[in-house]
Amino acid sequence: MADNDKGFTIWFTGLSGAGKSTLSEALEPALKERGHNVEILDGDVVRTNLSKGLGFSKEDRDTNILRIGFVAHLLSRNGVAVITAAISPYRDIRDQNRALIGDFVEVYAKCSIEELTRRDVKGLYEKALRGEIQNFTGISDPYEEPLSPEVVVDTEKETVEESTKKILDYLEQRGYIGSAKA
């Protein structure tokens, strides 16, 4: 049986549009139903509030992701189930956050550039592919896929429900959460 007083962090990583925020919002009520206090640290929201003024250089991106990791660490050590949804493109910075947080579950939201371009209502991928947007992660800026994430969700092939179930099953198997009430 899971200890609801024990915090942990679910760290979503993946390219823009891969479904990190959507899956975070789907996971939140499922974790709350199991008695957990839950906080979502969405990359766009954190960038607006905690990391205002940072640009998109590698150093600024690293600073932003390390800040998210620090907040996740503070919350999880105080019993909160933290869900982060940020591209977090660099393995080294994700690994630093893993070391800091401890109870860290990396979830890779995998999706092809072709599908991301198709989903992209703002047309940012097409502009980046044409060279009109510089430093676009996954196109003109690197994205380092996780080498051994705890969970891989293929958002191109799985429904939100299938991906959410895969994550919940992992959390349950590892004792982070109890089973759902019938």
Protein backbone atom coordinates (compact mmCIF):
# COMPACT_ATOMS: atom_id res chain seq x y z
CA MET A 1 0.00 0.00 0.00
CA ALA A 2 1.26 3.47 -0.89
CA ASP A 3 2.13 6.08 1.70
CA ASN A 4 0.11 9.18 0.80
CA ASP A 5 2.41 11.32 2.95
CA LYS A 6 5.39 10.47 0.75
CA GLY A 7 5.97 12.96 -2.02
CA PHE A 8 7.35 12.22 -5.46
CA THR A 9 7.83 13.97 -8.78
CA ILE A 10 6.54 12.86 -12.15
CA TRP A 11 8.86 14.60 -14.61
CA PHE A 12 7.38 14.87 -18.09
CA THR A 13 9.83 15.55 -20.90
CA GLY A 14 9.17 15.74 -24.61
CA LEU A 15 8.95 18.17 -27.48
CA SER A 16 6.50 21.06 -27.67
CA GLY A 17 3.03 19.74 -28.43
CA ALA A 18 3.79 16.14 -27.40
CA GLY A 19 1.06 16.12 -24.73
CA LYS A 20 2.92 16.87 -21.49
CA SER A 21 0.37 19.42 -20.21
CA THR A 22 -2.60 17.35 -21.40
CA LEU A 23 -1.32 14.26 -19.57
CA SER A 24 -0.52 16.33 -16.46
CA GLU A 25 -4.10 17.54 -16.34
CA ALA A 26 -5.37 13.97 -16.80
CA LEU A 27 -3.12 12.63 -14.01
CA GLU A 28 -3.97 15.30 -11.44
CA PRO A 29 -7.53 14.14 -10.58
CA ALA A 30 -6.45 10.46 -10.54
CA LEU A 31 -3.76 11.23 -7.96
CA LYS A 32 -6.14 13.39 -5.91
CA GLU A 33 -8.69 10.54 -5.89
CA ARG A 34 -5.98 8.41 -4.27
CA GLY A 35 -5.56 10.98 -1.49
CA HIS A 36 -2.49 12.89 -2.70
CA ASN A 37 -1.92 16.61 -2.60
CA VAL A 38 -0.94 17.45 -6.17
CA GLU A 39 0.82 20.40 -7.78
CA ILE A 40 1.46 20.83 -11.49
CA LEU A 41 4.51 22.83 -12.48
CA ASP A 42 3.86 23.64 -16.14
CA GLY A 43 6.87 24.97 -18.02
CA ASP A 44 4.99 27.85 -19.64
CA VAL A 45 3.43 28.95 -16.33
CA VAL A 46 6.73 28.72 -14.45
CA ARG A 47 8.53 30.63 -17.19
CA THR A 48 5.96 33.43 -16.93
CA ASN A 49 6.04 33.66 -13.12
CA LEU A 50 9.25 32.23 -11.67
CA SER A 51 11.61 32.62 -14.61
CA LYS A 52 10.40 35.88 -16.14
CA GLY A 53 13.21 37.60 -17.98
CA LEU A 54 14.98 34.40 -19.02
CA GLY A 55 15.51 33.89 -22.73
CA PHE A 56 16.01 30.69 -24.67
CA SER A 57 19.78 30.35 -24.62
CA LYS A 58 21.06 27.02 -23.29
CA GLU A 59 22.05 28.71 -20.03
CA ASP A 60 18.62 30.31 -19.59
CA ARG A 61 16.83 27.05 -20.44
CA ASP A 62 19.00 25.19 -17.94
CA THR A 63 18.29 27.82 -15.25
CA ASN A 64 14.55 27.54 -15.88
CA ILE A 65 14.55 23.72 -15.64
CA LEU A 66 16.76 23.77 -12.52
CA ARG A 67 14.31 26.22 -10.90
CA ILE A 68 11.42 23.89 -11.70
CA GLY A 69 13.44 21.03 -10.20
CA PHE A 70 14.17 22.99 -7.03
CA VAL A 71 10.48 23.81 -6.50
CA ALA A 72 9.55 20.17 -7.24
CA HIS A 73 12.13 19.07 -4.67
CA LEU A 74 10.70 21.39 -1.99
CA LEU A 75 7.14 20.25 -2.66
CA SER A 76 7.87 16.52 -2.92
CA ARG A 77 9.95 16.45 0.26
CA ASN A 78 6.86 17.90 1.95
CA GLY A 79 4.57 15.12 0.79
CA VAL A 80 3.24 16.58 -2.44
CA ALA A 81 2.85 14.60 -5.65
CA VAL A 82 4.45 16.98 -8.14
CA ILE A 83 3.87 16.81 -11.87
CA THR A 84 6.20 18.82 -14.09
CA ALA A 85 5.41 19.52 -17.72
CA ALA A 86 8.38 21.21 -19.37
CA ILE A 87 10.31 20.31 -22.49
CA SER A 88 13.54 20.03 -20.42
CA PRO A 89 15.65 19.28 -23.48
CA TYR A 90 18.98 18.42 -21.85
CA ARG A 91 19.68 15.05 -20.17
CA ASP A 92 22.30 16.49 -17.82
CA ILE A 93 19.85 18.97 -16.29
CA ARG A 94 17.13 16.31 -15.96
CA ASP A 95 19.71 14.08 -14.24
CA GLN A 96 20.66 16.90 -11.86
CA ASN A 97 16.99 17.26 -10.94
CA ARG A 98 16.66 13.49 -10.52
CA ALA A 99 19.59 13.52 -8.08
CA LEU A 100 18.15 16.47 -6.14
CA ILE A 101 14.57 15.17 -5.92
CA GLY A 102 15.22 11.47 -5.35
CA ASP A 103 11.69 10.11 -5.85
CA PHE A 104 11.73 11.05 -9.53
CA VAL A 105 9.72 9.34 -12.24
CA GLU A 106 10.76 10.44 -15.72
CA VAL A 107 7.99 10.15 -18.29
CA TYR A 108 8.98 10.63 -21.91
CA ALA A 109 6.10 11.93 -24.04
CA LYS A 110 7.26 10.63 -27.41
CA CYS A 111 5.89 11.99 -30.68
CA SER A 112 7.32 12.41 -34.18
CA ILE A 113 8.13 15.82 -35.69
CA GLU A 114 5.66 15.01 -38.49
CA GLU A 115 2.80 14.49 -36.02
CA LEU A 116 3.81 17.51 -33.94
CA THR A 117 3.81 19.64 -37.10
CA ARG A 118 0.36 18.32 -38.01
CA ARG A 119 -1.01 19.12 -34.50
CA ASP A 120 0.57 22.57 -34.32
CA VAL A 121 -2.26 25.10 -34.70
CA LYS A 122 0.17 28.06 -34.47
CA GLY A 123 2.36 26.76 -37.30
CA LEU A 124 5.54 27.09 -35.23
CA TYR A 125 7.04 23.79 -36.41
CA GLU A 126 6.55 24.74 -40.07
CA LYS A 127 8.19 28.13 -39.45
CA ALA A 128 11.07 26.47 -37.57
CA LEU A 129 11.54 23.90 -40.34
CA ARG A 130 11.73 26.78 -42.86
CA GLY A 131 14.36 28.49 -40.67
CA GLU A 132 12.07 31.37 -39.69
CA ILE A 133 12.30 30.58 -35.95
CA GLN A 134 15.73 30.14 -34.40
CA ASN A 135 16.54 28.00 -31.34
CA PHE A 136 13.41 25.87 -31.73
CA THR A 137 13.82 22.71 -29.66
CA GLY A 138 13.89 19.57 -31.76
CA ILE A 139 14.46 21.48 -35.02
CA SER A 140 17.30 24.04 -34.75
CA ASP A 141 18.07 23.42 -31.06
CA PRO A 142 18.82 20.01 -29.56
CA TYR A 143 16.43 17.78 -27.70
CA GLU A 144 18.15 14.89 -25.94
CA GLU A 145 15.73 11.98 -25.60
CA PRO A 146 15.88 10.19 -22.25
CA LEU A 147 18.07 7.09 -22.34
CA SER A 148 16.10 5.11 -19.75
CA PRO A 149 12.93 6.88 -18.63
CA GLU A 150 10.72 5.06 -16.16
CA VAL A 151 7.76 5.39 -18.52
CA VAL A 152 7.49 6.09 -22.26
CA VAL A 153 4.13 7.24 -23.56
CA ASP A 154 3.75 7.35 -27.32
CA THR A 155 1.24 10.16 -27.69
CA GLU A 156 1.11 9.64 -31.43
CA LYS A 157 -0.30 6.12 -31.02
CA GLU A 158 -1.86 6.09 -27.53
CA THR A 159 -4.96 7.88 -26.32
CA VAL A 160 -4.69 10.21 -23.32
CA GLU A 161 -6.47 7.51 -21.29
CA GLU A 162 -4.02 4.78 -22.38
CA SER A 163 -1.00 6.93 -21.58
CA THR A 164 -2.44 8.01 -18.23
CA LYS A 165 -3.17 4.39 -17.30
CA LYS A 166 0.39 3.38 -18.21
CA ILE A 167 1.77 6.07 -15.85
CA LEU A 168 -0.66 5.20 -13.03
CA ASP A 169 0.17 1.50 -13.38
CA TYR A 170 3.88 2.27 -13.03
CA LEU A 171 3.28 4.48 -9.97
CA GLU A 172 1.13 1.77 -8.38
CA GLN A 173 3.66 -1.01 -9.09
CA ARG A 174 6.42 1.07 -7.49
CA GLY A 175 4.36 1.92 -4.41
CA TYR A 176 4.05 5.64 -5.05
CA ILE A 177 0.26 5.40 -5.14
CA GLY A 178 -2.40 3.02 -3.93
CA SER A 179 -4.90 1.40 -6.22
CA ALA A 180 -7.98 3.31 -7.29
CA LYS A 181 -11.06 3.00 -5.11
CA ALA A 182 -13.71 0.90 -6.82
